[in-house]
């Protein structure tokens, strides 16, 4: 069975990371959560005063800081999944907060931030045998990926999933705030100038609004086998 590159793109909070992690673990591939990379950069900006109270980003200072921002992933032996690290610090939980969610789209839309992260992503996937999820993996990062999947679900379903996830982690959550955030992120992600969120022409569409995790995993593994064994 040949090694391939798997690109999973789609809207926020539709379970891309969960499905990508599960697929990578099942087929023995490396998993890279590109959304977490932009969240980590956003966290760096928030911690270092690079996002003002009115939401404006200090782009000149951020450009100077980019060479010092290193995002990496390490396997969490207990959970069996990779955790996100920012300059050597584990930030897996804090980058999922609503505060980070409210700012990540504007950081991810900055061209030099995307350029830096795409360089890191391509380095991670150079040897194939990788599952990567995000907004522009199949269109920009790996346009030649053998398997491309575009995932979507209704905004209401995605907001409920995000709410449930935060509740389970004991983190503060308000459904209406989350729904507004999901809708705003959809608009920003789809309308940014650099690498806007869109389905690649050769990507398979997966609407998982009413699918169980088991149904979704079965669909994914079948698509993988079709490409890897073909």
C-alpha atoms as a PDB file:
ATOM      1  CA  UNK A   1       0.000   0.000   0.000  1.00  0.00           C
ATOM      2  CA  UNK A   2       1.535   3.306  -1.089  1.00  0.00           C
ATOM      3  CA  UNK A   3       1.935   6.283   1.237  1.00  0.00           C
ATOM      4  CA  UNK A   4      -0.258   9.248   0.340  1.00  0.00           C
ATOM      5  CA  UNK A   5      -0.988  12.771   1.536  1.00  0.00           C
ATOM      6  CA  UNK A   6      -4.454  13.345   2.981  1.00  0.00           C
ATOM      7  CA  UNK A   7      -5.824  16.905   3.027  1.00  0.00           C
ATOM      8  CA  UNK A   8      -8.951  17.594   5.092  1.00  0.00           C
ATOM      9  CA  UNK A   9     -10.412  21.094   4.737  1.00  0.00           C
ATOM     10  CA  UNK A  10     -13.676  22.631   5.828  1.00  0.00           C
ATOM     11  CA  UNK A  11     -15.553  25.021   8.067  1.00  0.00           C
ATOM     12  CA  UNK A  12     -14.710  25.667  11.711  1.00  0.00           C
ATOM     13  CA  UNK A  13     -16.028  23.314  14.391  1.00  0.00           C
ATOM     14  CA  UNK A  14     -17.170  20.596  11.995  1.00  0.00           C
ATOM     15  CA  UNK A  15     -14.914  17.951  13.540  1.00  0.00           C
ATOM     16  CA  UNK A  16     -12.018  18.065  11.066  1.00  0.00           C
ATOM     17  CA  UNK A  17      -9.391  17.639  13.764  1.00  0.00           C
ATOM     18  CA  UNK A  18     -11.201  14.766  15.459  1.00  0.00           C
ATOM     19  CA  UNK A  19     -11.657  12.830  12.230  1.00  0.00           C
ATOM     20  CA  UNK A  20      -8.131  13.570  11.021  1.00  0.00           C
ATOM     21  CA  UNK A  21      -6.610  12.387  14.313  1.00  0.00           C
ATOM     22  CA  UNK A  22      -8.676   9.193  14.262  1.00  0.00           C
ATOM     23  CA  UNK A  23      -7.813   8.449  10.634  1.00  0.00           C
ATOM     24  CA  UNK A  24      -4.101   9.091  11.163  1.00  0.00           C
ATOM     25  CA  UNK A  25      -4.033   6.804  14.186  1.00  0.00           C
ATOM     26  CA  UNK A  26      -5.923   4.054  12.348  1.00  0.00           C
ATOM     27  CA  UNK A  27      -3.655   4.049   9.278  1.00  0.00           C
ATOM     28  CA  UNK A  28      -0.392   4.851  11.088  1.00  0.00           C
ATOM     29  CA  UNK A  29       0.115   8.308   9.555  1.00  0.00           C
ATOM     30  CA  UNK A  30       1.419  11.542  11.076  1.00  0.00           C
ATOM     31  CA  UNK A  31      -1.309  14.021  12.020  1.00  0.00           C
ATOM     32  CA  UNK A  32      -0.861  17.799  11.740  1.00  0.00           C
ATOM     33  CA  UNK A  33      -3.585  20.144  13.048  1.00  0.00           C
ATOM     34  CA  UNK A  34      -2.957  23.301  11.009  1.00  0.00           C
ATOM     35  CA  UNK A  35      -5.815  25.154  12.680  1.00  0.00           C
ATOM     36  CA  UNK A  36      -4.025  24.685  15.987  1.00  0.00           C
ATOM     37  CA  UNK A  37      -0.955  26.326  14.462  1.00  0.00           C
ATOM     38  CA  UNK A  38      -2.889  29.519  13.717  1.00  0.00           C
ATOM     39  CA  UNK A  39      -4.488  29.349  17.143  1.00  0.00           C
ATOM     40  CA  UNK A  40      -1.017  29.138  18.693  1.00  0.00           C
ATOM     41  CA  UNK A  41       0.116  32.232  16.780  1.00  0.00           C
ATOM     42  CA  UNK A  42      -3.071  33.978  17.952  1.00  0.00           C
ATOM     43  CA  UNK A  43      -2.296  33.043  21.552  1.00  0.00           C
ATOM     44  CA  UNK A  44       1.213  34.479  21.138  1.00  0.00           C
ATOM     45  CA  UNK A  45      -0.313  37.732  19.868  1.00  0.00           C
ATOM     46  CA  UNK A  46      -2.768  37.931  22.771  1.00  0.00           C
ATOM     47  CA  UNK A  47      -0.058  37.288  25.340  1.00  0.00           C
ATOM     48  CA  UNK A  48       2.285  39.857  23.835  1.00  0.00           C
ATOM     49  CA  UNK A  49      -0.140  42.719  23.339  1.00  0.00           C
ATOM     50  CA  UNK A  50      -0.233  42.439  19.563  1.00  0.00           C
ATOM     51  CA  UNK A  51      -4.042  42.585  19.429  1.00  0.00           C
ATOM     52  CA  UNK A  52      -5.513  45.858  20.703  1.00  0.00           C
ATOM     53  CA  UNK A  53      -8.758  46.154  22.662  1.00  0.00           C
ATOM     54  CA  UNK A  54     -10.589  47.233  19.500  1.00  0.00           C
ATOM     55  CA  UNK A  55      -9.395  44.068  17.727  1.00  0.00           C
ATOM     56  CA  UNK A  56      -6.704  45.576  15.538  1.00  0.00           C
ATOM     57  CA  UNK A  57      -3.533  43.541  15.012  1.00  0.00           C
ATOM     58  CA  UNK A  58      -0.107  45.162  15.389  1.00  0.00           C
ATOM     59  CA  UNK A  59       1.129  43.704  12.117  1.00  0.00           C
ATOM     60  CA  UNK A  60       4.561  45.329  12.076  1.00  0.00           C
ATOM     61  CA  UNK A  61       5.439  43.944  15.499  1.00  0.00           C
ATOM     62  CA  UNK A  62       3.991  40.556  14.574  1.00  0.00           C
ATOM     63  CA  UNK A  63       6.084  40.437  11.391  1.00  0.00           C
ATOM     64  CA  UNK A  64       9.213  41.046  13.491  1.00  0.00           C
ATOM     65  CA  UNK A  65       8.163  38.334  15.944  1.00  0.00           C
ATOM     66  CA  UNK A  66       7.333  35.609  13.384  1.00  0.00           C
ATOM     67  CA  UNK A  67      10.861  34.087  13.276  1.00  0.00           C
ATOM     68  CA  UNK A  68      10.546  33.523  17.040  1.00  0.00           C
ATOM     69  CA  UNK A  69       7.183  31.734  16.834  1.00  0.00           C
ATOM     70  CA  UNK A  70       7.645  27.983  16.536  1.00  0.00           C
ATOM     71  CA  UNK A  71       4.690  25.609  16.582  1.00  0.00           C
ATOM     72  CA  UNK A  72       5.192  21.880  17.032  1.00  0.00           C
ATOM     73  CA  UNK A  73       3.283  18.732  17.934  1.00  0.00           C
ATOM     74  CA  UNK A  74       4.139  16.002  20.415  1.00  0.00           C
ATOM     75  CA  UNK A  75       2.312  12.765  21.045  1.00  0.00           C
ATOM     76  CA  UNK A  76       0.379  12.702  24.297  1.00  0.00           C
ATOM     77  CA  UNK A  77       1.016   9.144  25.441  1.00  0.00           C
ATOM     78  CA  UNK A  78      -1.981   9.162  27.790  1.00  0.00           C
ATOM     79  CA  UNK A  79      -4.492  10.432  25.243  1.00  0.00           C
ATOM     80  CA  UNK A  80      -2.818   8.766  22.276  1.00  0.00           C
ATOM     81  CA  UNK A  81      -3.094  12.007  20.310  1.00  0.00           C
ATOM     82  CA  UNK A  82      -0.713  14.873  19.532  1.00  0.00           C
ATOM     83  CA  UNK A  83      -0.699  18.041  21.635  1.00  0.00           C
ATOM     84  CA  UNK A  84       0.125  21.509  20.336  1.00  0.00           C
ATOM     85  CA  UNK A  85       3.226  23.313  21.633  1.00  0.00           C
ATOM     86  CA  UNK A  86       4.102  26.989  21.277  1.00  0.00           C
ATOM     87  CA  UNK A  87       7.835  27.608  21.627  1.00  0.00           C
ATOM     88  CA  UNK A  88       8.126  24.452  23.707  1.00  0.00           C
ATOM     89  CA  UNK A  89       5.090  25.122  25.946  1.00  0.00           C
ATOM     90  CA  UNK A  90       2.049  22.846  25.804  1.00  0.00           C
ATOM     91  CA  UNK A  91      -0.909  25.046  24.837  1.00  0.00           C
ATOM     92  CA  UNK A  92      -3.360  22.389  23.600  1.00  0.00           C
ATOM     93  CA  UNK A  93      -6.189  23.396  25.945  1.00  0.00           C
ATOM     94  CA  UNK A  94      -5.873  27.167  26.111  1.00  0.00           C
ATOM     95  CA  UNK A  95      -5.856  27.613  22.320  1.00  0.00           C
ATOM     96  CA  UNK A  96      -9.376  26.113  22.209  1.00  0.00           C
ATOM     97  CA  UNK A  97     -10.850  28.919  24.361  1.00  0.00           C
ATOM     98  CA  UNK A  98     -13.518  31.249  22.985  1.00  0.00           C
ATOM     99  CA  UNK A  99     -11.100  34.169  23.408  1.00  0.00           C
ATOM    100  CA  UNK A 100      -8.669  32.594  20.979  1.00  0.00           C
ATOM    101  CA  UNK A 101     -11.535  31.557  18.681  1.00  0.00           C
ATOM    102  CA  UNK A 102     -12.715  35.169  18.499  1.00  0.00           C
ATOM    103  CA  UNK A 103      -9.333  36.340  17.194  1.00  0.00           C
ATOM    104  CA  UNK A 104      -7.901  33.471  15.145  1.00  0.00           C
ATOM    105  CA  UNK A 105      -9.530  34.287  11.791  1.00  0.00           C
ATOM    106  CA  UNK A 106      -8.011  37.769  11.649  1.00  0.00           C
ATOM    107  CA  UNK A 107      -4.545  36.369  12.459  1.00  0.00           C
ATOM    108  CA  UNK A 108      -4.929  33.528   9.941  1.00  0.00           C
ATOM    109  CA  UNK A 109      -5.865  36.060   7.233  1.00  0.00           C
ATOM    110  CA  UNK A 110      -2.526  37.889   7.460  1.00  0.00           C
ATOM    111  CA  UNK A 111      -0.419  36.905   4.407  1.00  0.00           C
ATOM    112  CA  UNK A 112       2.962  36.651   6.138  1.00  0.00           C
ATOM    113  CA  UNK A 113       1.479  34.531   8.932  1.00  0.00           C
ATOM    114  CA  UNK A 114       0.016  32.101   6.399  1.00  0.00           C
ATOM    115  CA  UNK A 115       3.292  32.016   4.487  1.00  0.00           C
ATOM    116  CA  UNK A 116       5.247  31.116   7.625  1.00  0.00           C
ATOM    117  CA  UNK A 117       2.788  28.432   8.708  1.00  0.00           C
ATOM    118  CA  UNK A 118       2.515  26.923   5.215  1.00  0.00           C
ATOM    119  CA  UNK A 119       6.316  26.599   5.124  1.00  0.00           C
ATOM    120  CA  UNK A 120       6.223  24.714   8.434  1.00  0.00           C
ATOM    121  CA  UNK A 121       3.336  22.533   7.216  1.00  0.00           C
ATOM    122  CA  UNK A 122       5.053  21.573   3.967  1.00  0.00           C
ATOM    123  CA  UNK A 123       8.169  20.627   5.899  1.00  0.00           C
ATOM    124  CA  UNK A 124       6.093  18.352   8.142  1.00  0.00           C
ATOM    125  CA  UNK A 125       4.452  16.635   5.159  1.00  0.00           C
ATOM    126  CA  UNK A 126       7.434  16.288   2.863  1.00  0.00           C
ATOM    127  CA  UNK A 127       7.721  12.492   3.245  1.00  0.00           C
ATOM    128  CA  UNK A 128       3.989  11.802   2.693  1.00  0.00           C
ATOM    129  CA  UNK A 129       2.170   9.451   5.068  1.00  0.00           C
ATOM    130  CA  UNK A 130       0.541  12.507   6.630  1.00  0.00           C
ATOM    131  CA  UNK A 131      -2.990  13.656   7.471  1.00  0.00           C
ATOM    132  CA  UNK A 132      -3.364  17.427   7.624  1.00  0.00           C
ATOM    133  CA  UNK A 133      -6.495  19.439   8.309  1.00  0.00           C
ATOM    134  CA  UNK A 134      -7.245  23.133   7.999  1.00  0.00           C
ATOM    135  CA  UNK A 135      -8.772  25.642   5.596  1.00  0.00           C
ATOM    136  CA  UNK A 136      -6.446  25.562   2.581  1.00  0.00           C
ATOM    137  CA  UNK A 137      -4.577  22.252   2.693  1.00  0.00           C
ATOM    138  CA  UNK A 138      -6.006  20.854  -0.546  1.00  0.00           C
ATOM    139  CA  UNK A 139      -5.936  24.190  -2.365  1.00  0.00           C
ATOM    140  CA  UNK A 140      -2.668  25.808  -1.216  1.00  0.00           C
ATOM    141  CA  UNK A 141      -0.480  23.659   1.045  1.00  0.00           C
ATOM    142  CA  UNK A 142      -0.785  20.339  -0.800  1.00  0.00           C
ATOM    143  CA  UNK A 143      -2.676  20.929  -4.074  1.00  0.00           C
ATOM    144  CA  UNK A 144      -1.365  17.563  -5.328  1.00  0.00           C
ATOM    145  CA  UNK A 145      -2.613  15.563  -2.323  1.00  0.00           C
ATOM    146  CA  UNK A 146      -3.913  12.167  -3.403  1.00  0.00           C
ATOM    147  CA  UNK A 147      -6.959  12.368  -1.109  1.00  0.00           C
ATOM    148  CA  UNK A 148      -8.781  15.650  -0.488  1.00  0.00           C
ATOM    149  CA  UNK A 149     -11.881  15.934   1.670  1.00  0.00           C
ATOM    150  CA  UNK A 150     -13.998  19.043   2.274  1.00  0.00           C
ATOM    151  CA  UNK A 151     -16.068  18.852   5.460  1.00  0.00           C
ATOM    152  CA  UNK A 152     -19.106  20.910   6.360  1.00  0.00           C
ATOM    153  CA  UNK A 153     -22.126  20.946   8.690  1.00  0.00           C
ATOM    154  CA  UNK A 154     -24.794  23.498   9.537  1.00  0.00           C
ATOM    155  CA  UNK A 155     -23.682  26.460  11.672  1.00  0.00           C
ATOM    156  CA  UNK A 156     -26.158  25.480  14.393  1.00  0.00           C
ATOM    157  CA  UNK A 157     -24.843  21.911  14.596  1.00  0.00           C
ATOM    158  CA  UNK A 158     -21.258  23.146  14.725  1.00  0.00           C
ATOM    159  CA  UNK A 159     -22.037  25.678  17.458  1.00  0.00           C
ATOM    160  CA  UNK A 160     -23.709  22.983  19.575  1.00  0.00           C
ATOM    161  CA  UNK A 161     -20.706  20.677  19.183  1.00  0.00           C
ATOM    162  CA  UNK A 162     -18.338  23.468  20.216  1.00  0.00           C
ATOM    163  CA  UNK A 163     -20.542  24.309  23.207  1.00  0.00           C
ATOM    164  CA  UNK A 164     -20.626  20.671  24.322  1.00  0.00           C
ATOM    165  CA  UNK A 165     -16.842  20.367  23.957  1.00  0.00           C
ATOM    166  CA  UNK A 166     -16.169  23.429  26.132  1.00  0.00           C
ATOM    167  CA  UNK A 167     -18.704  22.247  28.714  1.00  0.00           C
ATOM    168  CA  UNK A 168     -16.993  18.871  28.958  1.00  0.00           C
ATOM    169  CA  UNK A 169     -13.666  20.620  29.581  1.00  0.00           C
ATOM    170  CA  UNK A 170     -15.218  22.764  32.315  1.00  0.00           C
ATOM    171  CA  UNK A 171     -14.607  25.935  30.322  1.00  0.00           C
ATOM    172  CA  UNK A 172     -17.095  28.858  30.158  1.00  0.00           C
ATOM    173  CA  UNK A 173     -19.428  28.695  27.170  1.00  0.00           C
ATOM    174  CA  UNK A 174     -22.496  30.487  25.814  1.00  0.00           C
ATOM    175  CA  UNK A 175     -24.283  28.912  22.845  1.00  0.00           C
ATOM    176  CA  UNK A 176     -25.374  32.201  21.237  1.00  0.00           C
ATOM    177  CA  UNK A 177     -21.850  33.638  21.485  1.00  0.00           C
ATOM    178  CA  UNK A 178     -20.426  30.488  19.929  1.00  0.00           C
ATOM    179  CA  UNK A 179     -22.992  30.487  17.100  1.00  0.00           C
ATOM    180  CA  UNK A 180     -22.136  34.118  16.318  1.00  0.00           C
ATOM    181  CA  UNK A 181     -18.432  33.249  16.349  1.00  0.00           C
ATOM    182  CA  UNK A 182     -18.977  30.299  13.980  1.00  0.00           C
ATOM    183  CA  UNK A 183     -20.935  32.457  11.531  1.00  0.00           C
ATOM    184  CA  UNK A 184     -18.373  35.270  11.653  1.00  0.00           C
ATOM    185  CA  UNK A 185     -15.488  32.851  11.122  1.00  0.00           C
ATOM    186  CA  UNK A 186     -17.272  31.304   8.121  1.00  0.00           C
ATOM    187  CA  UNK A 187     -17.567  34.734   6.526  1.00  0.00           C
ATOM    188  CA  UNK A 188     -13.985  35.807   7.265  1.00  0.00           C
ATOM    189  CA  UNK A 189     -12.491  32.468   6.207  1.00  0.00           C
ATOM    190  CA  UNK A 190     -14.421  32.470   2.922  1.00  0.00           C
ATOM    191  CA  UNK A 191     -13.761  36.115   2.040  1.00  0.00           C
ATOM    192  CA  UNK A 192     -10.107  36.668   2.981  1.00  0.00           C
ATOM    193  CA  UNK A 193      -7.773  37.641   0.154  1.00  0.00           C
ATOM    194  CA  UNK A 194      -5.114  35.006   0.822  1.00  0.00           C
ATOM    195  CA  UNK A 195      -6.074  31.313   0.527  1.00  0.00           C
ATOM    196  CA  UNK A 196      -9.804  31.720   1.185  1.00  0.00           C
ATOM    197  CA  UNK A 197     -11.743  28.707   2.385  1.00  0.00           C
ATOM    198  CA  UNK A 198     -13.099  26.876  -0.647  1.00  0.00           C
ATOM    199  CA  UNK A 199     -13.603  23.323  -1.821  1.00  0.00           C
ATOM    200  CA  UNK A 200     -10.904  22.097  -4.219  1.00  0.00           C
ATOM    201  CA  UNK A 201     -12.450  20.869  -7.512  1.00  0.00           C
ATOM    202  CA  UNK A 202     -11.194  17.335  -6.872  1.00  0.00           C
ATOM    203  CA  UNK A 203     -12.123  17.200  -3.174  1.00  0.00           C
ATOM    204  CA  UNK A 204     -14.797  14.841  -1.858  1.00  0.00           C
ATOM    205  CA  UNK A 205     -17.629  16.627   0.001  1.00  0.00           C
ATOM    206  CA  UNK A 206     -18.572  15.322   3.446  1.00  0.00           C
ATOM    207  CA  UNK A 207     -21.565  16.883   5.213  1.00  0.00           C
ATOM    208  CA  UNK A 208     -21.506  15.308   8.660  1.00  0.00           C
ATOM    209  CA  UNK A 209     -24.418  17.261  10.179  1.00  0.00           C
ATOM    210  CA  UNK A 210     -26.363  14.087  10.849  1.00  0.00           C
ATOM    211  CA  UNK A 211     -23.651  11.423  10.841  1.00  0.00           C
ATOM    212  CA  UNK A 212     -22.415   9.478  13.840  1.00  0.00           C
ATOM    213  CA  UNK A 213     -18.689   9.330  14.529  1.00  0.00           C
ATOM    214  CA  UNK A 214     -18.734   5.656  13.546  1.00  0.00           C
ATOM    215  CA  UNK A 215     -20.422   6.362  10.200  1.00  0.00           C
ATOM    216  CA  UNK A 216     -17.978   9.146   9.493  1.00  0.00           C
ATOM    217  CA  UNK A 217     -14.921   7.024  10.364  1.00  0.00           C
ATOM    218  CA  UNK A 218     -16.144   4.189   8.151  1.00  0.00           C
ATOM    219  CA  UNK A 219     -16.644   6.594   5.238  1.00  0.00           C
ATOM    220  CA  UNK A 220     -13.158   8.044   5.730  1.00  0.00           C
ATOM    221  CA  UNK A 221     -11.339   4.716   5.897  1.00  0.00           C
ATOM    222  CA  UNK A 222     -13.096   3.575   2.711  1.00  0.00           C
ATOM    223  CA  UNK A 223     -11.947   6.708   0.878  1.00  0.00           C
ATOM    224  CA  UNK A 224      -8.410   6.148   2.158  1.00  0.00           C
ATOM    225  CA  UNK A 225      -8.345   2.551   0.947  1.00  0.00           C
ATOM    226  CA  UNK A 226      -9.619   3.589  -2.473  1.00  0.00           C
ATOM    227  CA  UNK A 227      -6.693   5.984  -2.911  1.00  0.00           C
ATOM    228  CA  UNK A 228      -3.898   4.107  -1.120  1.00  0.00           C
ATOM    229  CA  UNK A 229      -4.645   0.768  -2.761  1.00  0.00           C
ATOM    230  CA  UNK A 230      -5.418   2.195  -6.180  1.00  0.00           C
END
